[in-house]
């Protein structure tokens, strides 16, 4: 099961990086339920082992691209974010260390896997994936654009993706840069 989850996660992250056109220095927000991944109801069967498999697969893709990973904690920590200090060098951190039942297994494993982890209350990510209906939208930049992913399952959890784009301004006379759409 772990090998399949690793491969599915890797394929999903590769796809979102391509479709969202992520570049070095961008932030990808990930929210995920290991309970959903193994086929149980969200919040009912947290699995640090599955979480580590997912985090390892994600970091394996993102590190080579220079994209930062931000991992959303569960509602018990108000959906705070675990991220590398380097990604947000001037951010005001909060004092909490995620645990499987207070933050979630993905956030816990991310905290342990990062070089200099911090937890912040908010981030404005360039793209994101939601593994198992965890609701990451509050941490995306305006304007979020849904992405239809071919790799839309990790384990038994559905995956939804989004990218962001700059706002359109200027009305009917405006001309837009097609590369930014």
Protein backbone atom coordinates (compact mmCIF):
# COMPACT_ATOMS: atom_id res chain seq x y z
CA UNK A 1 0.00 0.00 0.00
CA UNK A 2 2.81 2.47 0.90
CA UNK A 3 4.49 2.04 -2.50
CA UNK A 4 1.22 2.77 -4.29
CA UNK A 5 0.53 5.84 -2.14
CA UNK A 6 4.08 7.11 -2.74
CA UNK A 7 3.70 6.70 -6.52
CA UNK A 8 0.24 8.31 -6.56
CA UNK A 9 1.44 11.25 -4.49
CA UNK A 10 4.51 11.75 -6.66
CA UNK A 11 2.41 11.71 -9.85
CA UNK A 12 -0.09 14.17 -8.37
CA UNK A 13 2.64 16.60 -7.26
CA UNK A 14 4.37 16.40 -10.66
CA UNK A 15 1.05 17.13 -12.36
CA UNK A 16 0.15 20.11 -10.17
CA UNK A 17 3.63 21.57 -10.63
CA UNK A 18 3.23 21.38 -14.39
CA UNK A 19 -0.39 22.57 -14.60
CA UNK A 20 0.13 25.40 -12.10
CA UNK A 21 3.46 26.34 -13.75
CA UNK A 22 5.18 26.46 -10.38
CA UNK A 23 8.65 27.96 -10.35
CA UNK A 24 11.53 28.20 -7.90
CA UNK A 25 10.47 30.05 -4.76
CA UNK A 26 6.71 29.39 -5.17
CA UNK A 27 4.70 27.82 -2.36
CA UNK A 28 2.51 24.73 -2.70
CA UNK A 29 -0.02 24.29 0.12
CA UNK A 30 -1.07 20.73 0.94
CA UNK A 31 -3.89 19.73 3.21
CA UNK A 32 -4.44 16.05 3.76
CA UNK A 33 -6.18 13.44 5.82
CA UNK A 34 -4.31 10.18 6.30
CA UNK A 35 -7.59 8.73 7.57
CA UNK A 36 -9.17 9.44 4.17
CA UNK A 37 -6.11 8.09 2.35
CA UNK A 38 -6.54 4.72 4.06
CA UNK A 39 -10.31 4.74 3.47
CA UNK A 40 -11.64 5.94 6.81
CA UNK A 41 -13.55 9.08 7.81
CA UNK A 42 -11.47 12.23 8.18
CA UNK A 43 -10.03 12.59 11.69
CA UNK A 44 -10.79 9.02 12.73
CA UNK A 45 -7.63 7.01 12.02
CA UNK A 46 -4.54 9.19 11.77
CA UNK A 47 -1.50 7.38 10.38
CA UNK A 48 1.98 8.86 10.89
CA UNK A 49 3.43 6.07 8.70
CA UNK A 50 1.21 6.98 5.72
CA UNK A 51 1.86 10.67 6.38
CA UNK A 52 5.63 10.15 6.17
CA UNK A 53 5.20 8.30 2.88
CA UNK A 54 3.18 11.23 1.47
CA UNK A 55 5.61 13.89 2.78
CA UNK A 56 8.62 11.99 1.40
CA UNK A 57 6.98 11.75 -2.04
CA UNK A 58 6.04 15.44 -2.08
CA UNK A 59 9.45 16.66 -0.94
CA UNK A 60 11.14 14.36 -3.47
CA UNK A 61 9.45 16.30 -6.25
CA UNK A 62 9.40 19.83 -4.82
CA UNK A 63 13.02 20.04 -3.63
CA UNK A 64 14.35 19.44 -7.14
CA UNK A 65 12.12 22.27 -8.43
CA UNK A 66 12.92 24.72 -5.64
CA UNK A 67 9.24 24.93 -4.65
CA UNK A 68 8.41 25.27 -0.96
CA UNK A 69 5.96 22.94 0.74
CA UNK A 70 3.43 24.34 3.19
CA UNK A 71 1.34 21.79 5.10
CA UNK A 72 -1.97 22.74 6.65
CA UNK A 73 -2.68 21.55 10.16
CA UNK A 74 -6.11 20.24 11.08
CA UNK A 75 -8.88 22.31 12.61
CA UNK A 76 -7.60 21.63 16.16
CA UNK A 77 -4.75 24.03 15.38
CA UNK A 78 -7.02 26.37 13.40
CA UNK A 79 -5.56 25.17 10.10
CA UNK A 80 -2.18 26.75 10.86
CA UNK A 81 0.67 26.10 8.43
CA UNK A 82 3.94 24.23 8.81
CA UNK A 83 6.57 25.63 6.46
CA UNK A 84 10.33 26.07 6.18
CA UNK A 85 11.62 29.30 7.74
CA UNK A 86 13.45 29.98 4.46
CA UNK A 87 10.12 30.28 2.60
CA UNK A 88 8.86 33.03 4.93
CA UNK A 89 11.97 34.57 6.52
CA UNK A 90 10.09 37.51 8.08
CA UNK A 91 6.89 35.72 9.08
CA UNK A 92 5.67 35.81 12.64
CA UNK A 93 5.63 32.24 13.88
CA UNK A 94 3.27 30.83 16.49
CA UNK A 95 4.41 28.48 19.23
CA UNK A 96 3.02 25.01 18.62
CA UNK A 97 4.42 21.65 17.56
CA UNK A 98 1.88 19.61 15.59
CA UNK A 99 0.95 16.15 16.86
CA UNK A 100 -1.07 13.43 15.07
CA UNK A 101 -4.24 14.27 17.04
CA UNK A 102 -3.60 18.03 17.28
CA UNK A 103 -2.40 19.25 13.93
CA UNK A 104 -2.63 16.00 11.99
CA UNK A 105 -0.16 13.39 10.87
CA UNK A 106 0.87 15.22 7.67
CA UNK A 107 1.70 18.42 9.57
CA UNK A 108 3.51 16.40 12.25
CA UNK A 109 5.66 14.60 9.68
CA UNK A 110 6.34 17.81 7.77
CA UNK A 111 7.50 19.49 10.99
CA UNK A 112 9.89 16.61 11.65
CA UNK A 113 11.09 16.47 8.01
CA UNK A 114 11.83 20.17 7.50
CA UNK A 115 15.25 21.66 8.20
CA UNK A 116 13.97 24.75 10.04
CA UNK A 117 10.22 24.31 10.50
CA UNK A 118 7.99 27.10 11.70
CA UNK A 119 4.25 27.25 12.18
CA UNK A 120 2.40 30.32 10.96
CA UNK A 121 -1.27 31.20 11.02
CA UNK A 122 -1.54 32.23 7.39
CA UNK A 123 0.18 31.83 4.05
CA UNK A 124 -0.73 32.89 0.52
CA UNK A 125 0.28 29.91 -1.59
CA UNK A 126 0.65 29.86 -5.37
CA UNK A 127 -1.06 26.49 -5.76
CA UNK A 128 -2.37 23.68 -3.64
CA UNK A 129 -3.81 20.24 -3.32
CA UNK A 130 -6.46 19.05 -0.95
CA UNK A 131 -6.21 15.34 -0.14
CA UNK A 132 -9.47 14.10 1.36
CA UNK A 133 -11.61 17.25 1.67
CA UNK A 134 -9.47 19.22 4.13
CA UNK A 135 -10.32 22.68 2.74
CA UNK A 136 -7.10 24.52 1.85
CA UNK A 137 -8.72 27.47 0.06
CA UNK A 138 -8.13 29.94 2.87
CA UNK A 139 -4.38 29.67 2.24
CA UNK A 140 -4.34 30.33 -1.51
CA UNK A 141 -3.59 33.67 -3.14
CA UNK A 142 -6.39 35.45 -4.88
CA UNK A 143 -7.54 34.43 -7.56
CA UNK A 144 -7.78 30.63 -7.15
CA UNK A 145 -8.45 28.59 -10.29
CA UNK A 146 -9.55 24.95 -9.95
CA UNK A 147 -7.39 22.38 -11.71
CA UNK A 148 -8.85 19.16 -13.03
CA UNK A 149 -6.22 16.58 -12.16
CA UNK A 150 -5.81 13.23 -13.90
CA UNK A 151 -4.03 11.99 -10.76
CA UNK A 152 -6.97 12.68 -8.46
CA UNK A 153 -6.65 9.84 -5.96
CA UNK A 154 -4.08 9.17 -3.27
CA UNK A 155 -4.97 5.90 -1.63
CA UNK A 156 -8.73 6.15 -1.27
CA UNK A 157 -8.79 9.93 -0.83
CA UNK A 158 -9.97 12.27 -3.56
CA UNK A 159 -7.54 15.03 -4.53
CA UNK A 160 -8.59 18.49 -5.67
CA UNK A 161 -6.06 20.94 -7.07
CA UNK A 162 -5.91 24.69 -7.56
CA UNK A 163 -3.54 27.26 -8.94
CA UNK A 164 -3.65 31.02 -8.62
CA UNK A 165 -3.38 33.85 -11.10
CA UNK A 166 -3.12 37.65 -10.87
CA UNK A 167 -6.41 39.55 -10.69
CA UNK A 168 -7.79 41.00 -13.91
CA UNK A 169 -8.20 44.77 -13.74
CA UNK A 170 -9.07 47.45 -16.26
CA UNK A 171 -12.40 46.41 -17.80
CA UNK A 172 -13.22 46.00 -21.49
CA UNK A 173 -10.30 48.07 -22.80
CA UNK A 174 -7.67 46.15 -20.90
CA UNK A 175 -5.17 43.83 -22.56
CA UNK A 176 -3.87 40.87 -20.56
CA UNK A 177 -0.59 38.94 -20.61
CA UNK A 178 -1.52 35.44 -21.79
CA UNK A 179 1.48 33.92 -19.97
CA UNK A 180 -0.08 34.92 -16.63
CA UNK A 181 -3.44 33.28 -17.27
